[in-house]
Amino acid sequence: MPSLTVKSFAKINLGLLITGKRDDGYHTLETIFAPINWYDAIEFSESEVISMSCSNVTLPVDDNNLCIRAAKALQQFAGTSRGVTMKLHKQVPFGAGLGGGSSDAATVLRVLNDLWQIHASSSDLHAIAVTLGADVPYFLEIKGLAYARGIGDDLDDLGITLPYHVVTVFPEEHISTVWAYKNFYPHFDRQLPDLKASVSALCLSGQKELLPVFENDFEPAVFDHFPAVRRVKSTLLEAGSIFASLSGSGSAVFGLFEREDQALAAMKLLPEAYRTSLTPPGFSMEQEPAMD
């Protein structure tokens, strides 16, 4: 087969409420996933074995990489001996709370399901995706905004997109999810806002007064330990963002802007070393045709 190159888009979390802890150690949460125009690209080539390389030499390319794990999980599910060589062109920062690795894993499942002609059902692919990571099903199944509960894999496709310009900033701090869950400040006994209804009212009716409900429970601890991350949020708000927040467990921060010129001006105020992305209003992860 000719090689195929496919984009793997990242996400932000509009609100992230940690609601409890299960007996198995996993925390339960509620969040809104929103796609952003920041992506990795994965090149697939035919091979007798499963292997990969990566443009970022610090990332593992063995069974510790979610791309390899996804390919092998699908191979085992299908009982096939087919292989693939993958080249990961890594652009989405890791340790950022943007779901780059989960998105890559979802892309591998989706593409290899077609290339290997496995024809696994969406429920079968969902079951495999959950074993790889709680965020993987979102990237596999939904193109726009989604409400997630449980450990993040119980999803409702909201069928809507954000009507704002989104500036996403990586302040060059890598924060592990394990660290974030060990250090956040729990308050499980509060009255929870209705994130699902609130985001629908925000996007469909422009009710900006609802923006304060979209808190991120990781944010206070991350800001206390990583002051540079706090400063990014302050910069975005001072530059005219109507809302800014940590994404996931960090360290990426995003800001919502009503005007593109404000968004572009805000990006210029950030340190040059910080990687940034600008996502237009109405963005969704519609998969573009694979590129030769």
Protein backbone atom coordinates (compact mmCIF):
# COMPACT_ATOMS: atom_id res chain seq x y z
CA MET A 1 0.00 0.00 0.00
CA PRO A 2 1.13 3.62 -0.42
CA SER A 3 1.90 5.43 2.81
CA LEU A 4 -0.92 7.37 4.46
CA THR A 5 -0.55 10.39 6.74
CA VAL A 6 -3.40 11.27 9.09
CA LYS A 7 -3.84 14.12 11.57
CA SER A 8 -4.51 13.48 15.28
CA PHE A 9 -6.12 16.52 16.88
CA ALA A 10 -5.80 17.51 20.54
CA LYS A 11 -8.51 18.68 22.98
CA ILE A 12 -9.11 21.06 25.84
CA ASN A 13 -11.38 20.57 28.84
CA LEU A 14 -14.06 23.18 29.35
CA GLY A 15 -14.64 22.50 33.02
CA LEU A 16 -13.23 19.49 34.84
CA LEU A 17 -14.95 18.49 38.08
CA ILE A 18 -13.47 15.58 40.06
CA THR A 19 -16.52 14.08 41.74
CA GLY A 20 -15.22 11.11 43.74
CA LYS A 21 -12.86 8.17 43.98
CA ARG A 22 -13.74 4.57 43.15
CA ASP A 23 -12.66 1.47 45.02
CA ASP A 24 -10.22 0.62 42.21
CA GLY A 25 -8.39 3.92 42.74
CA TYR A 26 -9.75 5.71 39.67
CA HIS A 27 -11.35 9.09 40.19
CA THR A 28 -14.72 9.93 38.70
CA LEU A 29 -15.20 13.22 36.91
CA GLU A 30 -17.41 15.38 34.76
CA THR A 31 -16.00 17.45 31.93
CA ILE A 32 -16.63 18.93 28.51
CA PHE A 33 -14.16 17.89 25.80
CA ALA A 34 -13.59 20.39 22.99
CA PRO A 35 -11.31 19.78 19.98
CA ILE A 36 -8.57 22.24 19.04
CA ASN A 37 -6.59 22.75 15.85
CA TRP A 38 -3.31 21.43 17.26
CA TYR A 39 -2.34 18.04 15.95
CA ASP A 40 0.20 15.30 15.56
CA ALA A 41 0.53 13.53 12.22
CA ILE A 42 1.03 9.79 11.85
CA GLU A 43 2.39 8.23 8.67
CA PHE A 44 1.38 4.60 8.11
CA SER A 45 3.32 2.23 5.84
CA GLU A 46 2.85 -1.47 5.18
CA SER A 47 5.15 -3.80 7.11
CA GLU A 48 5.37 -7.39 8.30
CA VAL A 49 5.78 -6.25 11.92
CA ILE A 50 4.46 -3.45 14.11
CA SER A 51 7.06 -0.72 14.62
CA MET A 52 7.29 3.05 14.87
CA SER A 53 9.58 6.04 14.95
CA CYS A 54 9.00 9.50 16.37
CA SER A 55 10.22 12.99 15.52
CA ASN A 56 10.65 13.60 19.27
CA VAL A 57 13.53 11.35 20.30
CA THR A 58 12.65 11.67 24.00
CA LEU A 59 9.43 9.70 23.54
CA PRO A 60 9.51 5.88 23.72
CA VAL A 61 8.72 3.93 20.57
CA ASP A 62 8.27 0.55 22.27
CA ASP A 63 5.33 -0.98 24.15
CA ASN A 64 5.25 2.12 26.39
CA ASN A 65 3.95 4.16 23.45
CA LEU A 66 0.19 4.29 23.03
CA CYS A 67 0.48 3.96 19.24
CA ILE A 68 2.26 0.62 19.58
CA ARG A 69 -0.16 -0.50 22.29
CA ALA A 70 -3.15 0.42 20.13
CA ALA A 71 -1.82 -1.42 17.10
CA LYS A 72 -1.02 -4.55 19.11
CA ALA A 73 -4.38 -4.47 20.88
CA LEU A 74 -6.20 -4.34 17.55
CA GLN A 75 -3.93 -7.02 16.10
CA GLN A 76 -4.72 -9.30 19.04
CA PHE A 77 -8.46 -8.57 18.85
CA ALA A 78 -8.55 -9.47 15.15
CA GLY A 79 -6.20 -12.45 15.39
CA THR A 80 -4.20 -11.06 12.49
CA SER A 81 -0.47 -11.19 11.86
CA ARG A 82 -0.43 -8.04 9.76
CA GLY A 83 2.00 -5.30 10.72
CA VAL A 84 2.54 -1.61 10.14
CA THR A 85 5.32 0.96 10.34
CA MET A 86 4.26 4.24 11.89
CA LYS A 87 6.11 7.56 11.83
CA LEU A 88 4.79 9.92 14.50
CA HIS A 89 5.38 13.58 13.72
CA LYS A 90 4.91 14.92 17.25
CA GLN A 91 3.58 18.48 17.52
CA VAL A 92 1.14 18.36 20.46
CA PRO A 93 3.11 18.80 23.71
CA PHE A 94 3.01 15.90 26.14
CA GLY A 95 2.43 16.42 29.86
CA ALA A 96 0.14 19.25 28.80
CA GLY A 97 -3.40 18.02 29.46
CA LEU A 98 -4.23 18.13 25.74
CA GLY A 99 -4.71 14.40 25.16
CA GLY A 100 -2.14 14.09 22.39
CA GLY A 101 -1.19 10.50 23.17
CA SER A 102 -4.83 9.45 23.49
CA SER A 103 -5.64 11.08 20.16
CA ASP A 104 -2.73 9.27 18.51
CA ALA A 105 -3.97 5.94 19.88
CA ALA A 106 -7.48 6.60 18.56
CA THR A 107 -6.07 7.45 15.12
CA VAL A 108 -4.12 4.18 15.06
CA LEU A 109 -7.24 2.17 15.94
CA ARG A 110 -9.37 3.93 13.33
CA VAL A 111 -6.82 3.78 10.51
CA LEU A 112 -5.66 0.20 11.08
CA ASN A 113 -9.24 -1.02 11.38
CA ASP A 114 -9.60 0.11 7.75
CA LEU A 115 -6.12 -0.72 6.43
CA TRP A 116 -6.16 -4.21 7.89
CA GLN A 117 -9.79 -4.66 6.79
CA ILE A 118 -10.82 -5.80 10.25
CA HIS A 119 -14.22 -4.05 10.17
CA ALA A 120 -14.48 -4.03 13.97
CA SER A 121 -17.71 -2.48 15.22
CA SER A 122 -17.77 0.85 17.02
CA SER A 123 -18.56 -0.96 20.28
CA ASP A 124 -15.58 -3.28 19.79
CA LEU A 125 -13.29 -0.34 19.09
CA HIS A 126 -14.67 1.48 22.13
CA ALA A 127 -13.86 -1.51 24.34
CA ILE A 128 -10.28 -1.56 23.04
CA ALA A 129 -9.97 2.22 23.40
CA VAL A 130 -10.97 2.15 27.09
CA THR A 131 -8.10 -0.24 27.85
CA LEU A 132 -5.65 2.31 26.39
CA GLY A 133 -6.86 5.41 28.23
CA ALA A 134 -10.01 7.14 29.44
CA ASP A 135 -9.73 9.92 26.81
CA VAL A 136 -9.22 7.59 23.82
CA PRO A 137 -12.93 6.91 23.14
CA TYR A 138 -13.60 10.63 22.75
CA PHE A 139 -11.05 10.99 19.98
CA LEU A 140 -12.27 7.79 18.37
CA GLU A 141 -15.95 8.60 18.25
CA ILE A 142 -16.73 12.34 18.46
CA LYS A 143 -15.79 15.31 16.28
CA GLY A 144 -17.01 18.29 18.33
CA LEU A 145 -17.97 18.94 21.94
CA ALA A 146 -18.74 16.02 24.25
CA TYR A 147 -19.91 15.72 27.83
CA ALA A 148 -17.97 13.03 29.70
CA ARG A 149 -18.62 11.39 33.04
CA GLY A 150 -17.35 8.33 34.92
CA ILE A 151 -13.60 8.10 34.36
CA GLY A 152 -14.08 10.12 31.18
CA ASP A 153 -15.15 7.33 28.85
CA ASP A 154 -18.93 7.64 29.27
CA LEU A 155 -19.67 10.15 26.53
CA ASP A 156 -22.53 12.22 25.17
CA ASP A 157 -21.96 13.75 21.74
CA LEU A 158 -23.38 17.26 22.10
CA GLY A 159 -23.42 17.92 18.37
CA ILE A 160 -22.15 21.49 18.85
CA THR A 161 -18.90 23.44 18.60
CA LEU A 162 -17.38 26.40 20.43
CA PRO A 163 -18.28 29.79 18.90
CA TYR A 164 -15.01 31.38 20.03
CA HIS A 165 -11.41 31.71 18.96
CA VAL A 166 -9.37 29.46 21.25
CA VAL A 167 -5.77 30.31 22.13
CA THR A 168 -4.00 27.31 23.67
CA VAL A 169 -0.63 27.81 25.34
CA PHE A 170 1.97 25.31 26.54
CA PRO A 171 4.17 27.02 29.15
CA GLU A 172 6.96 24.44 28.82
CA GLU A 173 6.07 22.64 32.05
CA HIS A 174 5.39 18.89 31.90
CA ILE A 175 2.84 17.81 34.52
CA SER A 176 2.04 14.12 34.88
CA THR A 177 -1.55 13.04 35.42
CA VAL A 178 -0.36 10.91 38.34
CA TRP A 179 1.12 13.99 40.05
CA ALA A 180 -2.05 15.98 39.44
CA TYR A 181 -4.34 13.38 41.00
CA LYS A 182 -2.05 13.05 44.01
CA ASN A 183 -1.92 16.78 44.64
CA PHE A 184 -5.30 18.30 43.74
CA TYR A 185 -7.49 19.69 46.51
CA PRO A 186 -10.61 17.49 46.72
CA HIS A 187 -14.05 18.80 47.60
CA PHE A 188 -16.44 16.01 46.71
CA ASP A 189 -19.36 17.23 48.85
CA ARG A 190 -20.30 20.33 46.83
CA GLN A 191 -23.33 20.96 44.67
CA LEU A 192 -22.25 20.32 41.07
CA PRO A 193 -23.22 22.64 38.22
CA ASP A 194 -24.90 21.17 35.14
CA LEU A 195 -21.99 21.31 32.70
CA LYS A 196 -23.97 19.73 29.88
CA ALA A 197 -26.84 22.24 30.01
CA SER A 198 -24.46 25.13 30.62
CA VAL A 199 -22.25 24.47 27.61
CA SER A 200 -25.29 24.08 25.37
CA ALA A 201 -26.66 27.43 26.58
CA LEU A 202 -23.23 29.02 26.10
CA CYS A 203 -22.71 27.77 22.56
CA LEU A 204 -26.28 27.96 21.25
CA SER A 205 -27.61 31.04 23.08
CA GLY A 206 -24.42 32.95 23.87
CA GLN A 207 -25.03 32.97 27.62
CA LYS A 208 -21.53 34.08 28.63
CA GLU A 209 -22.62 34.58 32.24
CA LEU A 210 -22.41 30.79 32.57
CA LEU A 211 -18.65 30.70 31.91
CA PRO A 212 -17.66 30.74 35.63
CA VAL A 213 -19.25 27.30 36.16
CA PHE A 214 -16.53 25.70 34.04
CA GLU A 215 -13.98 25.27 36.82
CA ASN A 216 -11.01 22.91 36.62
CA ASP A 217 -10.36 21.13 39.91
CA PHE A 218 -6.69 20.62 39.07
CA GLU A 219 -6.09 24.35 38.63
CA PRO A 220 -5.55 25.51 42.27
CA ALA A 221 -2.85 22.91 43.03
CA VAL A 222 -1.15 23.32 39.65
CA PHE A 223 -1.08 27.12 40.05
CA ASP A 224 0.35 26.79 43.57
CA HIS A 225 3.21 24.55 42.38
CA PHE A 226 3.79 26.01 38.90
CA PRO A 227 3.51 29.83 39.03
CA ALA A 228 4.45 30.18 35.35
CA VAL A 229 1.21 28.38 34.46
CA ARG A 230 -0.81 30.81 36.58
CA ARG A 231 0.86 33.72 34.78
CA VAL A 232 -0.29 32.42 31.39
CA LYS A 233 -3.92 32.52 32.54
CA SER A 234 -3.45 36.06 33.85
CA THR A 235 -1.89 37.17 30.56
CA LEU A 236 -4.78 35.78 28.51
CA LEU A 237 -7.39 37.44 30.71
CA GLU A 238 -5.57 40.77 30.66
CA ALA A 239 -5.42 40.54 26.86
CA GLY A 240 -9.19 40.33 26.57
CA SER A 241 -10.04 36.65 26.94
CA ILE A 242 -13.62 36.23 28.20
CA PHE A 243 -12.60 33.00 29.93
CA ALA A 244 -9.30 31.21 30.57
CA SER A 245 -8.53 27.94 32.30
CA LEU A 246 -6.12 25.08 32.74
CA SER A 247 -6.80 22.17 30.36
CA GLY A 248 -6.98 18.68 31.83
CA SER A 249 -4.27 18.20 34.44
CA GLY A 250 -2.12 20.85 32.74
CA SER A 251 0.15 22.46 32.07
CA ALA A 252 -1.57 23.86 28.96
CA VAL A 253 -3.85 26.86 29.46
CA PHE A 254 -6.47 28.10 27.01
CA GLY A 255 -8.36 31.34 26.55
CA LEU A 256 -11.61 32.03 24.72
CA PHE A 257 -11.73 35.18 22.60
CA GLU A 258 -14.62 36.79 20.75
CA ARG A 259 -12.36 38.47 18.20
CA GLU A 260 -9.47 37.04 16.22
CA ASP A 261 -7.39 40.21 16.48
CA GLN A 262 -7.55 39.98 20.28
CA ALA A 263 -6.50 36.34 20.16
CA LEU A 264 -3.53 37.08 17.91
CA ALA A 265 -2.47 40.02 20.07
CA ALA A 266 -2.63 37.85 23.19
CA MET A 267 -0.33 35.27 21.62
CA LYS A 268 2.27 37.98 21.02
CA LEU A 269 2.32 38.85 24.73
CA LEU A 270 3.46 35.37 25.75
CA PRO A 271 7.11 34.33 26.13
CA GLU A 272 8.59 33.30 22.78
CA ALA A 273 9.57 29.90 24.14
CA TYR A 274 5.93 28.98 24.79
CA ARG A 275 4.25 26.97 22.05
CA THR A 276 0.80 28.20 21.08
CA SER A 277 -2.14 27.25 18.89
CA LEU A 278 -5.08 29.22 17.53
CA THR A 279 -8.35 27.40 16.86
CA PRO A 280 -11.13 29.11 14.88
CA PRO A 281 -14.77 29.25 15.97
CA GLY A 282 -16.84 26.22 15.00
CA PHE A 283 -13.84 23.89 14.81
CA SER A 284 -14.45 20.14 14.73
CA MET A 285 -12.25 17.09 14.13
CA GLU A 286 -13.64 16.23 10.74
CA GLN A 287 -11.08 13.80 9.44
CA GLU A 288 -9.44 15.04 6.29
CA PRO A 289 -8.73 12.51 3.56
CA ALA A 290 -5.51 10.66 4.31
CA MET A 291 -2.57 12.19 2.46
CA ASP A 292 -0.08 10.21 0.39
